[in-house]
């Protein structure tokens, strides 16, 4: 029987002891943003809105540009649907890039991520590259929730 060397055993033990946890507050906060994005892309308002606090503040590039107070995310989601219908927008999709910033301080998070927004307007493909989505989050008992976000078209 072959016995492993003492160095190999110690190296394996140290690697196991100091291996970073796969889940961190930063990865969990960004996972909430990703889940919100996926829900929007699927048109699943219920799932998307479950990731926002009731008093969330939303800033976006279409009028009235800000939604706040009770149901901020819900009011924005409804306004988006009306805006898209009025402007002949279909097949919209937000593709998140690699986050530029994911910062967590206690139970508060801050995420800045570049986004590629694609859609069809009156049947013609449109690509908006270089937009930036900045989100503020809070860690609650149910997990990370969005307290506000701002969209910057570029």
Protein backbone atom coordinates (compact mmCIF):
# COMPACT_ATOMS: atom_id res chain seq x y z
CA UNK A 1 0.00 0.00 0.00
CA UNK A 2 1.32 3.43 -0.96
CA UNK A 3 1.33 6.02 1.82
CA UNK A 4 0.85 9.69 0.82
CA UNK A 5 3.70 11.96 1.72
CA UNK A 6 3.35 14.15 4.77
CA UNK A 7 3.70 17.26 2.59
CA UNK A 8 0.82 16.18 0.36
CA UNK A 9 -1.44 15.52 3.35
CA UNK A 10 -0.58 18.88 4.97
CA UNK A 11 -1.07 20.76 1.66
CA UNK A 12 -4.47 19.15 1.14
CA UNK A 13 -5.54 19.93 4.71
CA UNK A 14 -4.45 23.57 4.39
CA UNK A 15 -6.16 24.00 1.02
CA UNK A 16 -9.40 22.62 2.43
CA UNK A 17 -9.20 24.75 5.58
CA UNK A 18 -8.60 28.05 3.78
CA UNK A 19 -10.75 27.50 0.68
CA UNK A 20 -13.13 30.46 0.29
CA UNK A 21 -16.84 29.89 0.61
CA UNK A 22 -18.60 29.70 -2.74
CA UNK A 23 -21.40 31.98 -1.55
CA UNK A 24 -20.69 35.44 -0.18
CA UNK A 25 -22.91 38.42 0.46
CA UNK A 26 -21.52 39.93 -2.75
CA UNK A 27 -22.36 36.89 -4.87
CA UNK A 28 -25.78 36.60 -3.22
CA UNK A 29 -26.54 40.29 -3.82
CA UNK A 30 -25.61 40.00 -7.49
CA UNK A 31 -27.62 36.77 -7.74
CA UNK A 32 -30.70 38.75 -6.68
CA UNK A 33 -30.00 41.30 -9.44
CA UNK A 34 -29.56 38.46 -11.94
CA UNK A 35 -32.82 36.84 -10.81
CA UNK A 36 -34.60 40.21 -11.17
CA UNK A 37 -33.17 40.56 -14.69
CA UNK A 38 -34.16 37.00 -15.63
CA UNK A 39 -37.70 37.61 -14.36
CA UNK A 40 -38.03 40.83 -16.38
CA UNK A 41 -36.72 39.05 -19.49
CA UNK A 42 -39.36 36.35 -19.03
CA UNK A 43 -42.10 38.95 -18.45
CA UNK A 44 -42.69 37.45 -15.00
CA UNK A 45 -43.81 40.52 -13.06
CA UNK A 46 -44.68 38.53 -9.95
CA UNK A 47 -41.19 37.04 -9.65
CA UNK A 48 -39.50 40.36 -10.45
CA UNK A 49 -41.61 42.33 -8.00
CA UNK A 50 -40.94 39.81 -5.23
CA UNK A 51 -37.33 40.99 -5.36
CA UNK A 52 -38.18 44.66 -4.71
CA UNK A 53 -39.12 46.28 -1.44
CA UNK A 54 -42.49 48.03 -1.55
CA UNK A 55 -40.93 51.49 -1.22
CA UNK A 56 -38.33 50.98 -3.97
CA UNK A 57 -37.31 53.99 -6.05
CA UNK A 58 -36.81 53.51 -9.80
CA UNK A 59 -35.18 55.93 -12.25
CA UNK A 60 -35.36 55.08 -15.95
CA UNK A 61 -34.93 56.81 -19.32
CA UNK A 62 -38.64 57.01 -20.25
CA UNK A 63 -41.21 59.40 -18.79
CA UNK A 64 -42.07 60.09 -16.07
CA UNK A 65 -38.49 58.91 -15.31
CA UNK A 66 -39.02 58.24 -11.60
CA UNK A 67 -41.31 55.90 -9.69
CA UNK A 68 -41.33 55.91 -5.91
CA UNK A 69 -43.51 55.32 -2.90
CA UNK A 70 -45.60 52.22 -2.52
CA UNK A 71 -45.10 49.75 -5.35
CA UNK A 72 -42.28 51.69 -7.08
CA UNK A 73 -41.12 48.63 -9.02
CA UNK A 74 -44.70 47.62 -9.81
CA UNK A 75 -45.60 51.08 -11.09
CA UNK A 76 -42.44 51.07 -13.22
CA UNK A 77 -43.23 47.59 -14.60
CA UNK A 78 -46.72 48.73 -15.61
CA UNK A 79 -45.37 51.95 -17.16
CA UNK A 80 -42.78 49.94 -19.10
CA UNK A 81 -45.51 47.74 -20.56
CA UNK A 82 -47.50 50.79 -21.66
CA UNK A 83 -44.38 52.48 -23.09
CA UNK A 84 -43.45 49.37 -25.06
CA UNK A 85 -46.98 49.00 -26.43
CA UNK A 86 -47.14 52.67 -27.49
CA UNK A 87 -43.73 52.48 -29.18
CA UNK A 88 -44.11 49.07 -30.84
CA UNK A 89 -41.38 47.45 -28.72
CA UNK A 90 -41.31 43.66 -28.52
CA UNK A 91 -38.83 40.89 -27.77
CA UNK A 92 -36.89 43.00 -25.28
CA UNK A 93 -33.96 41.44 -23.44
CA UNK A 94 -31.45 42.71 -20.91
CA UNK A 95 -28.08 40.92 -21.02
CA UNK A 96 -26.01 41.69 -17.94
CA UNK A 97 -22.28 42.04 -18.32
CA UNK A 98 -19.66 41.39 -15.68
CA UNK A 99 -20.44 43.68 -12.72
CA UNK A 100 -18.17 46.69 -12.32
CA UNK A 101 -18.94 47.01 -8.60
CA UNK A 102 -20.55 44.75 -6.06
CA UNK A 103 -20.12 46.18 -2.59
CA UNK A 104 -21.75 45.02 0.62
CA UNK A 105 -21.60 46.89 3.91
CA UNK A 106 -23.55 45.10 6.60
CA UNK A 107 -27.07 44.54 5.30
CA UNK A 108 -26.75 47.02 2.39
CA UNK A 109 -25.52 46.28 -1.09
CA UNK A 110 -24.55 48.31 -4.16
CA UNK A 111 -24.26 46.84 -7.66
CA UNK A 112 -23.16 48.54 -10.88
CA UNK A 113 -23.39 46.44 -14.01
CA UNK A 114 -23.10 47.15 -17.75
CA UNK A 115 -26.07 45.98 -19.81
CA UNK A 116 -26.76 45.24 -23.45
CA UNK A 117 -30.42 45.93 -24.19
CA UNK A 118 -31.88 44.40 -27.33
CA UNK A 119 -35.43 44.59 -28.66
CA UNK A 120 -37.49 45.00 -31.79
CA UNK A 121 -39.18 48.30 -32.51
CA UNK A 122 -41.95 47.95 -35.05
CA UNK A 123 -40.29 44.72 -36.16
CA UNK A 124 -36.77 46.15 -36.61
CA UNK A 125 -33.95 44.93 -34.35
CA UNK A 126 -32.43 47.53 -32.02
CA UNK A 127 -29.29 47.12 -29.91
CA UNK A 128 -28.36 49.48 -27.09
CA UNK A 129 -24.87 48.63 -25.88
CA UNK A 130 -23.08 50.28 -23.00
CA UNK A 131 -26.03 51.06 -20.76
CA UNK A 132 -25.40 51.01 -17.02
CA UNK A 133 -27.69 49.69 -14.30
CA UNK A 134 -26.99 50.76 -10.73
CA UNK A 135 -28.91 49.07 -7.94
CA UNK A 136 -29.13 49.44 -4.16
CA UNK A 137 -30.16 46.41 -2.12
CA UNK A 138 -30.93 45.44 1.44
CA UNK A 139 -30.50 42.02 3.00
CA UNK A 140 -33.74 41.02 4.69
CA UNK A 141 -34.81 37.76 6.31
CA UNK A 142 -36.10 36.62 2.88
CA UNK A 143 -32.76 37.46 1.21
CA UNK A 144 -31.45 40.39 -0.82
CA UNK A 145 -34.12 42.82 -2.05
CA UNK A 146 -33.82 45.82 -4.36
CA UNK A 147 -34.46 49.14 -2.62
CA UNK A 148 -33.80 51.29 -5.67
CA UNK A 149 -32.21 51.34 -9.07
CA UNK A 150 -31.27 53.72 -11.84
CA UNK A 151 -30.83 53.03 -15.53
CA UNK A 152 -28.43 55.07 -17.66
CA UNK A 153 -28.74 54.59 -21.42
CA UNK A 154 -25.49 55.11 -23.27
